[in-house]
Amino acid sequence: MNTPPHDAVPPPEGPSEPTTGAARLRPPLRRVSGRSIGVWTVRSILGGLVNLVLLSVLAWAAGVLPWAWIPGWARENAWMLPTVYFVYALLKTAIVPSWRYRVHRWEVTEDVVYTRSGWIARHWQLVPVNRLQTVDHTQGWLERIFGVATLEVQTASYAGSSTIEGLDAEEARALSEELAVRAGTLRDDAT
């Protein structure tokens, strides 16, 4: 199971600021499963291979077929396109999955599902539990192999939905059941 704290926020130093009623945004405490790195790596490899094959066929066609609209310099250097893409895909596969693991966080409090995702641009999202419409627990074929799952909580608002990808499969199942019960209880209390 994941253990906090990660990216702990130190307490503020100096005199305390007057309270304005605004919450201070902090990183969620929980990391996704470490096995999610394997899922993201395999997805990157498969996607990279498909793109590399397509670019290789395009480069071969540009170099061999008599297409008059392709300039001579492009025809002569068509092999560079798959080579450059291969280097890019290799670097992306080596860096992005572990970087995503370091950034992707989640936390469920009594009244909020809190997530942070994104490996370059960060996306922070707080979804009130009493606004939940559905809680989806999904597990694709690759996720099943690695023993992880995706949890998606949806509200009536388009922007209110949140996804936690890469949770331990058993933890995702238990969390989906718990959220569904809590959302139902909170909605019943609000009426």
Protein backbone atom coordinates (compact mmCIF):
# COMPACT_ATOMS: atom_id res chain seq x y z
CA MET A 1 0.00 0.00 0.00
CA ASN A 2 1.15 3.57 -0.59
CA THR A 3 2.48 5.46 2.36
CA PRO A 4 2.55 9.22 2.90
CA PRO A 5 4.26 11.66 3.15
CA HIS A 6 5.61 12.57 -0.28
CA ASP A 7 6.47 16.13 -1.22
CA ALA A 8 5.54 17.13 2.30
CA VAL A 9 4.67 20.78 2.61
CA PRO A 10 6.61 22.40 5.45
CA PRO A 11 4.63 24.48 7.93
CA PRO A 12 4.69 28.22 7.21
CA GLU A 13 7.46 30.12 8.92
CA GLY A 14 7.14 33.45 10.64
CA PRO A 15 3.98 35.13 11.84
CA SER A 16 0.77 33.44 10.89
CA GLU A 17 -1.30 35.03 8.16
CA PRO A 18 -4.84 36.09 8.90
CA THR A 19 -7.34 33.48 7.81
CA THR A 20 -9.33 34.45 4.75
CA GLY A 21 -11.37 31.29 4.46
CA ALA A 22 -9.35 30.10 1.44
CA ALA A 23 -7.80 26.66 1.59
CA ARG A 24 -4.10 26.30 0.89
CA LEU A 25 -3.43 23.91 -2.02
CA ARG A 26 -0.98 21.18 -1.07
CA PRO A 27 0.13 18.01 -2.86
CA PRO A 28 -2.14 15.00 -2.28
CA LEU A 29 -0.50 12.53 0.09
CA ARG A 30 -0.83 9.22 -1.78
CA ARG A 31 1.15 7.96 -4.76
CA VAL A 32 -0.27 5.61 -7.34
CA SER A 33 1.05 2.03 -7.42
CA GLY A 34 4.67 1.61 -8.48
CA ARG A 35 3.46 -1.00 -10.99
CA SER A 36 1.86 1.83 -12.97
CA ILE A 37 5.36 2.64 -14.26
CA GLY A 38 5.31 -0.72 -16.07
CA VAL A 39 1.91 0.02 -17.63
CA TRP A 40 3.01 3.46 -18.83
CA THR A 41 6.31 2.05 -20.14
CA VAL A 42 4.65 -0.74 -22.13
CA ARG A 43 2.06 1.70 -23.53
CA SER A 44 4.86 4.02 -24.60
CA ILE A 45 6.79 1.17 -26.24
CA LEU A 46 3.73 -0.10 -28.12
CA GLY A 47 2.72 3.38 -29.27
CA GLY A 48 6.30 4.13 -30.28
CA LEU A 49 6.59 0.91 -32.29
CA VAL A 50 3.36 1.59 -34.18
CA ASN A 51 4.48 5.13 -35.01
CA LEU A 52 7.97 3.95 -35.96
CA VAL A 53 6.55 1.38 -38.39
CA LEU A 54 4.28 4.01 -39.97
CA LEU A 55 7.13 6.52 -40.30
CA SER A 56 9.43 3.84 -41.72
CA VAL A 57 6.87 2.92 -44.38
CA LEU A 58 6.41 6.62 -45.19
CA ALA A 59 10.20 7.15 -45.41
CA TRP A 60 10.58 4.09 -47.63
CA ALA A 61 7.75 5.27 -49.88
CA ALA A 62 9.22 8.78 -50.11
CA GLY A 63 12.63 7.38 -51.06
CA VAL A 64 11.47 4.72 -53.54
CA LEU A 65 8.22 5.81 -55.17
CA PRO A 66 8.41 8.43 -57.93
CA TRP A 67 6.37 11.13 -56.19
CA ALA A 68 7.17 14.38 -57.98
CA TRP A 69 5.79 16.58 -55.19
CA ILE A 70 8.52 15.48 -52.74
CA PRO A 71 11.66 17.64 -53.03
CA GLY A 72 14.94 15.90 -53.81
CA TRP A 73 16.56 16.75 -50.47
CA ALA A 74 13.57 15.22 -48.62
CA ARG A 75 13.74 12.07 -50.75
CA GLU A 76 17.46 11.65 -50.07
CA ASN A 77 17.09 12.18 -46.31
CA ALA A 78 13.81 10.34 -45.77
CA TRP A 79 15.56 7.74 -43.58
CA MET A 80 16.23 10.48 -40.98
CA LEU A 81 12.54 10.75 -40.07
CA PRO A 82 12.25 7.28 -38.47
CA THR A 83 15.74 7.61 -36.96
CA VAL A 84 14.95 10.90 -35.22
CA TYR A 85 11.58 9.54 -34.07
CA PHE A 86 13.27 6.40 -32.69
CA VAL A 87 15.62 8.52 -30.54
CA TYR A 88 12.67 10.64 -29.34
CA ALA A 89 10.56 7.55 -28.51
CA LEU A 90 13.48 5.95 -26.68
CA LEU A 91 14.01 9.04 -24.52
CA LYS A 92 10.28 9.40 -23.90
CA THR A 93 9.98 5.76 -22.83
CA ALA A 94 12.98 6.08 -20.52
CA ILE A 95 11.91 9.34 -18.84
CA VAL A 96 8.14 9.87 -18.89
CA PRO A 97 6.80 6.84 -16.95
CA SER A 98 8.98 7.40 -13.89
CA TRP A 99 8.39 11.16 -14.07
CA ARG A 100 4.62 10.58 -14.18
CA TYR A 101 4.92 8.30 -11.16
CA ARG A 102 6.71 11.03 -9.21
CA VAL A 103 3.98 13.58 -10.04
CA HIS A 104 0.70 11.61 -10.02
CA ARG A 105 -0.86 11.78 -6.57
CA TRP A 106 -4.26 11.24 -5.04
CA GLU A 107 -6.04 11.51 -1.73
CA VAL A 108 -9.58 10.93 -0.52
CA THR A 109 -10.67 12.90 2.53
CA GLU A 110 -14.06 12.83 4.24
CA ASP A 111 -15.59 15.16 1.70
CA VAL A 112 -13.19 15.56 -1.27
CA VAL A 113 -11.45 13.40 -3.89
CA TYR A 114 -8.20 15.22 -4.55
CA THR A 115 -5.89 14.47 -7.51
CA ARG A 116 -2.76 15.84 -9.14
CA SER A 117 -1.54 14.67 -12.53
CA GLY A 118 0.49 15.76 -15.54
CA TRP A 119 4.16 15.34 -16.18
CA ILE A 120 4.87 18.77 -17.70
CA ALA A 121 1.74 20.80 -17.04
CA ARG A 122 0.24 20.03 -13.63
CA HIS A 123 -3.49 19.43 -13.18
CA TRP A 124 -4.88 19.73 -9.65
CA GLN A 125 -8.48 18.74 -9.05
CA LEU A 126 -10.75 18.62 -6.02
CA VAL A 127 -14.08 16.83 -6.45
CA PRO A 128 -16.62 17.07 -3.60
CA VAL A 129 -17.83 13.60 -2.58
CA ASN A 130 -21.41 14.84 -2.15
CA ARG A 131 -21.45 15.82 -5.86
CA LEU A 132 -20.45 12.39 -7.19
CA GLN A 133 -22.79 10.91 -9.76
CA THR A 134 -20.89 7.75 -10.69
CA VAL A 135 -17.76 5.95 -9.56
CA ASP A 136 -16.17 3.79 -12.28
CA HIS A 137 -13.51 1.17 -11.63
CA THR A 138 -11.92 0.00 -14.90
CA GLN A 139 -9.07 -2.34 -15.71
CA GLY A 140 -7.79 -2.77 -19.25
CA TRP A 141 -5.84 -5.80 -20.43
CA LEU A 142 -2.48 -4.18 -19.76
CA GLU A 143 -3.59 -2.98 -16.33
CA ARG A 144 -4.75 -6.51 -15.49
CA ILE A 145 -1.29 -7.88 -16.32
CA PHE A 146 0.34 -5.37 -13.96
CA GLY A 147 -2.34 -5.59 -11.25
CA VAL A 148 -3.42 -1.95 -11.38
CA ALA A 149 -6.69 -0.21 -12.22
CA THR A 150 -8.20 3.19 -13.00
CA LEU A 151 -10.76 4.89 -10.81
CA GLU A 152 -12.93 7.60 -12.34
CA VAL A 153 -15.30 9.69 -10.29
CA GLN A 154 -17.83 11.74 -12.23
CA THR A 155 -20.08 14.61 -11.30
CA ALA A 156 -22.83 16.30 -13.26
CA SER A 157 -20.31 18.96 -14.25
CA TYR A 158 -17.94 18.27 -17.17
CA ALA A 159 -15.01 19.78 -15.29
CA GLY A 160 -15.93 17.98 -12.07
CA SER A 161 -14.85 14.50 -13.13
CA SER A 162 -11.53 13.13 -11.92
CA THR A 163 -9.45 10.08 -12.87
CA ILE A 164 -6.88 8.26 -10.77
CA GLU A 165 -4.88 6.02 -13.08
CA GLY A 166 -2.47 3.38 -11.77
CA LEU A 167 -4.05 2.44 -8.44
CA ASP A 168 -3.46 -1.01 -7.01
CA ALA A 169 -6.38 -3.09 -8.36
CA GLU A 170 -7.69 -4.19 -4.97
CA GLU A 171 -7.34 -0.70 -3.55
CA ALA A 172 -9.23 0.77 -6.52
CA ARG A 173 -12.07 -1.71 -6.06
CA ALA A 174 -12.37 -1.01 -2.33
CA LEU A 175 -12.13 2.75 -2.89
CA SER A 176 -14.83 2.69 -5.57
CA GLU A 177 -17.20 0.85 -3.24
CA GLU A 178 -16.41 3.18 -0.34
CA LEU A 179 -16.92 6.33 -2.45
CA ALA A 180 -20.21 5.08 -3.83
CA VAL A 181 -21.52 4.43 -0.31
CA ARG A 182 -20.23 7.77 1.04
CA ALA A 183 -21.64 9.72 -1.91
CA GLY A 184 -25.03 8.11 -1.37
CA THR A 185 -24.95 8.84 2.36
CA LEU A 186 -23.94 12.48 1.86
CA ARG A 187 -26.64 13.03 -0.79
CA ASP A 188 -29.28 11.53 1.51
CA ASP A 189 -28.16 13.81 4.36
CA ALA A 190 -28.38 16.89 2.12
CA THR A 191 -32.10 16.41 1.37
